[in-house]
Amino acid sequence: MNTTALSFAAKRYQRDIIDRLLQVQDIMIPKFCFKGCSKLVDIVLPSTVTGIKEGSFQDCTSLENVTLAANTIEIEKFAFYN
């Protein structure tokens, strides 16, 4: 999975690209991928996402709801900090 592409799309809030990239099997959301994405309010992580790295959603000040799949087995420290 191209984590650089996911981070790039996240910073520009390109929802269609993010949705396509999240369909890759066994993906870990990379460190600080969505950091500071103030437009992010709700996120539903599909079953393809098995983990969330440190600070992935840090400083997403508008984030209100996160839905995780049952197979999300690893959430690193400070993944949702602030």
Protein backbone atom coordinates (compact mmCIF):
# COMPACT_ATOMS: atom_id res chain seq x y z
CA MET A 1 0.00 0.00 0.00
CA ASN A 2 1.30 3.40 -0.88
CA THR A 3 1.21 5.19 2.47
CA THR A 4 2.60 8.34 0.87
CA ALA A 5 -0.41 8.52 -1.45
CA LEU A 6 -2.79 8.03 1.49
CA SER A 7 -1.10 10.78 3.50
CA PHE A 8 -1.11 13.12 0.48
CA ALA A 9 -4.83 12.51 -0.15
CA ALA A 10 -5.63 12.94 3.54
CA LYS A 11 -3.97 16.33 3.75
CA ARG A 12 -6.01 17.53 0.78
CA TYR A 13 -9.20 15.81 1.95
CA GLN A 14 -9.60 13.92 -1.32
CA ARG A 15 -12.31 11.57 -0.08
CA ASP A 16 -12.60 9.46 -3.25
CA ILE A 17 -8.87 8.68 -3.28
CA ILE A 18 -8.87 7.93 0.46
CA ASP A 19 -11.80 5.52 0.04
CA ARG A 20 -10.03 3.65 -2.79
CA LEU A 21 -6.73 3.40 -0.91
CA LEU A 22 -8.47 2.07 2.21
CA GLN A 23 -9.80 -0.90 0.21
CA VAL A 24 -6.31 -2.43 0.02
CA GLN A 25 -6.12 -5.59 2.13
CA ASP A 26 -4.48 -5.52 5.56
CA ILE A 27 -3.67 -1.85 5.72
CA MET A 28 -2.20 -0.03 8.70
CA ILE A 29 -3.07 3.68 8.78
CA PRO A 30 0.43 5.26 8.77
CA LYS A 31 1.82 7.54 11.48
CA PHE A 32 0.37 11.06 11.41
CA CYS A 33 -1.51 10.30 8.18
CA PHE A 34 -4.59 12.39 8.97
CA LYS A 35 -2.88 14.68 11.49
CA GLY A 36 -4.53 18.08 11.60
CA CYS A 37 -7.33 17.23 9.14
CA SER A 38 -9.80 19.68 10.60
CA LYS A 39 -12.51 18.85 8.03
CA LEU A 40 -12.68 15.23 9.18
CA VAL A 41 -15.87 14.76 11.23
CA ASP A 42 -16.79 11.07 10.83
CA ILE A 43 -14.73 8.13 9.69
CA VAL A 44 -15.71 4.54 9.06
CA LEU A 45 -12.68 2.28 8.75
CA PRO A 46 -13.42 -0.82 6.67
CA SER A 47 -12.38 -4.36 7.60
CA THR A 48 -9.29 -3.94 5.40
CA VAL A 49 -7.82 -1.67 8.08
CA THR A 50 -6.11 -3.85 10.68
CA GLY A 51 -4.30 -1.16 12.64
CA ILE A 52 -3.80 2.53 13.32
CA LYS A 53 -0.29 3.87 13.87
CA GLU A 54 0.81 6.53 16.35
CA GLY A 55 -0.74 9.96 15.85
CA SER A 56 -2.72 8.92 12.76
CA PHE A 57 -5.67 11.15 13.69
CA GLN A 58 -3.85 13.55 16.00
CA ASP A 59 -5.24 17.08 16.13
CA CYS A 60 -8.34 16.23 14.07
CA THR A 61 -10.28 18.77 16.09
CA SER A 62 -13.63 18.23 14.34
CA LEU A 63 -13.57 14.43 14.58
CA GLU A 64 -16.69 13.26 16.43
CA ASN A 65 -17.29 9.65 15.39
CA VAL A 66 -14.96 6.77 14.55
CA THR A 67 -16.27 3.36 13.53
CA LEU A 68 -13.75 0.53 13.61
CA ALA A 69 -14.11 -2.94 12.12
CA ALA A 70 -13.99 -5.87 14.53
CA ASN A 71 -10.64 -6.98 13.10
CA THR A 72 -8.82 -3.73 13.92
CA ILE A 73 -6.26 -5.31 16.22
CA GLU A 74 -3.69 -2.61 16.84
CA ILE A 75 -4.18 1.00 17.87
CA GLU A 76 -0.91 2.66 18.80
CA LYS A 77 -0.47 5.34 21.45
CA PHE A 78 -1.76 8.81 20.72
CA ALA A 79 -3.58 7.59 17.58
CA PHE A 80 -6.47 9.97 18.36
CA TYR A 81 -4.62 12.52 20.50
CA ASN A 82 -6.27 15.95 20.84
